[in-house]
Protein backbone atom coordinates (compact mmCIF):
# COMPACT_ATOMS: atom_id res chain seq x y z
CA UNK A 1 -13.70 16.11 -4.37
CA UNK A 2 -12.99 12.95 -2.43
CA UNK A 3 -13.12 12.99 1.38
CA UNK A 4 -9.43 12.06 1.39
CA UNK A 5 -6.93 13.32 -1.16
CA UNK A 6 -5.26 9.88 -0.92
CA UNK A 7 -6.48 6.72 0.75
CA UNK A 8 -3.91 3.92 1.14
CA UNK A 9 -5.11 0.37 1.73
CA UNK A 10 -2.54 -2.18 2.92
CA UNK A 11 -3.27 -5.86 2.49
CA UNK A 12 -2.54 -7.45 5.87
CA UNK A 13 -4.10 -10.82 5.13
CA UNK A 14 -2.43 -13.68 7.04
CA UNK A 15 -2.98 -17.18 5.71
CA UNK A 16 -2.16 -20.13 7.95
CA UNK A 17 1.19 -21.90 7.72
CA UNK A 18 1.15 -24.41 4.90
CA UNK A 19 -1.47 -22.53 2.87
CA UNK A 20 -1.30 -23.07 -0.89
CA UNK A 21 -0.93 -19.32 -1.49
CA UNK A 22 1.36 -16.71 0.06
CA UNK A 23 -0.06 -13.83 2.05
CA UNK A 24 1.00 -10.24 2.57
CA UNK A 25 0.94 -10.79 6.33
CA UNK A 26 3.91 -13.14 5.92
CA UNK A 27 5.86 -10.10 4.67
CA UNK A 28 5.27 -8.05 7.82
CA UNK A 29 2.62 -5.92 6.11
CA UNK A 30 0.88 -4.93 9.38
CA UNK A 31 4.11 -3.42 10.69
CA UNK A 32 4.77 -1.72 7.36
CA UNK A 33 1.26 -0.21 7.39
CA UNK A 34 1.86 1.05 10.93
CA UNK A 35 5.13 2.60 9.77
CA UNK A 36 3.42 4.50 6.95
CA UNK A 37 0.56 5.58 9.21
CA UNK A 38 3.04 6.98 11.74
CA UNK A 39 5.05 8.76 9.03
CA UNK A 40 1.90 10.32 7.54
CA UNK A 41 0.82 11.55 10.99
CA UNK A 42 4.31 12.85 11.82
CA UNK A 43 4.30 14.92 8.62
CA UNK A 44 0.83 16.24 9.49
CA UNK A 45 -0.63 14.76 6.32
CA UNK A 46 -3.40 12.74 8.01
CA UNK A 47 -7.06 13.67 8.18
CA UNK A 48 -10.04 14.74 6.10
CA UNK A 49 -8.98 16.37 2.86
CA UNK A 50 -5.53 14.85 3.30
CA UNK A 51 -4.38 11.22 3.66
CA UNK A 52 -5.83 8.13 5.32
CA UNK A 53 -3.92 4.85 5.83
CA UNK A 54 -6.11 1.78 6.32
CA UNK A 55 -5.85 -1.94 6.84
CA UNK A 56 -7.50 -4.15 4.26
CA UNK A 57 -8.23 -7.82 4.29
CA UNK A 58 -7.06 -9.82 1.32
CA UNK A 59 -6.72 -7.71 -1.82
CA UNK A 60 -6.12 -10.95 -3.80
CA UNK A 61 -2.69 -9.99 -5.14
CA UNK A 62 -0.49 -11.65 -2.52
CA UNK A 63 1.42 -13.62 -5.17
CA UNK A 64 2.86 -10.32 -6.37
CA UNK A 65 4.44 -9.53 -3.01
CA UNK A 66 3.07 -7.44 -0.19
CA UNK A 67 0.72 -4.92 -1.75
CA UNK A 68 -1.05 -1.68 -1.16
CA UNK A 69 -3.36 0.39 -3.33
CA UNK A 70 -3.63 4.17 -3.40
CA UNK A 71 -6.99 5.75 -4.19
CA UNK A 72 -8.47 7.69 -5.86
CA UNK A 73 -5.88 6.89 -8.56
CA UNK A 74 -6.18 3.10 -8.01
CA UNK A 75 -2.42 2.68 -8.25
CA UNK A 76 -1.18 -0.64 -6.91
CA UNK A 77 2.25 -1.04 -5.35
CA UNK A 78 4.46 -3.71 -3.95
CA UNK A 79 7.32 -2.96 -1.57
CA UNK A 80 10.21 -4.64 0.22
CA UNK A 81 11.02 -2.35 3.13
CA UNK A 82 10.51 1.02 4.78
CA UNK A 83 12.68 2.80 2.20
CA UNK A 84 10.30 1.71 -0.58
CA UNK A 85 7.38 3.03 1.45
CA UNK A 86 9.18 6.31 2.11
CA UNK A 87 9.67 6.67 -1.64
CA UNK A 88 5.93 6.16 -2.19
CA UNK A 89 5.15 8.81 0.44
CA UNK A 90 7.64 11.34 -0.96
CA UNK A 91 7.08 10.81 -4.65
CA UNK A 92 3.41 9.84 -4.96
CA UNK A 93 1.61 11.09 -1.86
CA UNK A 94 3.48 14.37 -1.51
CA UNK A 95 4.87 14.94 -5.00
CA UNK A 96 2.03 13.51 -7.09
CA UNK A 97 4.38 11.27 -9.07
CA UNK A 98 3.67 7.51 -8.90
CA UNK A 99 6.73 5.32 -8.31
CA UNK A 100 7.08 3.30 -11.50
CA UNK A 101 9.58 0.75 -10.20
CA UNK A 102 7.21 -0.31 -7.39
CA UNK A 103 3.96 -0.33 -9.38
CA UNK A 104 2.05 -3.51 -9.95
CA UNK A 105 0.29 -3.95 -13.31
CA UNK A 106 -3.17 -2.43 -13.59
CA UNK A 107 -4.61 -5.55 -15.21
CA UNK A 108 -3.69 -9.22 -14.83
CA UNK A 109 -1.56 -10.83 -17.49
CA UNK A 110 -4.10 -12.77 -19.55
CA UNK A 111 -1.62 -14.66 -21.73
């Protein structure tokens, strides 16, 4: 068994203004991560054997919108706001059902 039942990594990479690529930090990802971390703690879901919410550097998917990945399933998500993140918590983290509408593809489009 994994140390955490779920481990969420939020890309919070912030590229400088004028960079040739977007970054998740431009989409307020640090605040969104803090929101999820607080919600997980408030629901008493945090800790060993439960859920951990972490900051990650660049996950190299910033072009697909702000992103996070949930392990051990390795399910990648994008999100727009707190309501999207609440849906991920309720459906995936608590209910065990990944949120299809927010999922990013598992593999890059090679065509």
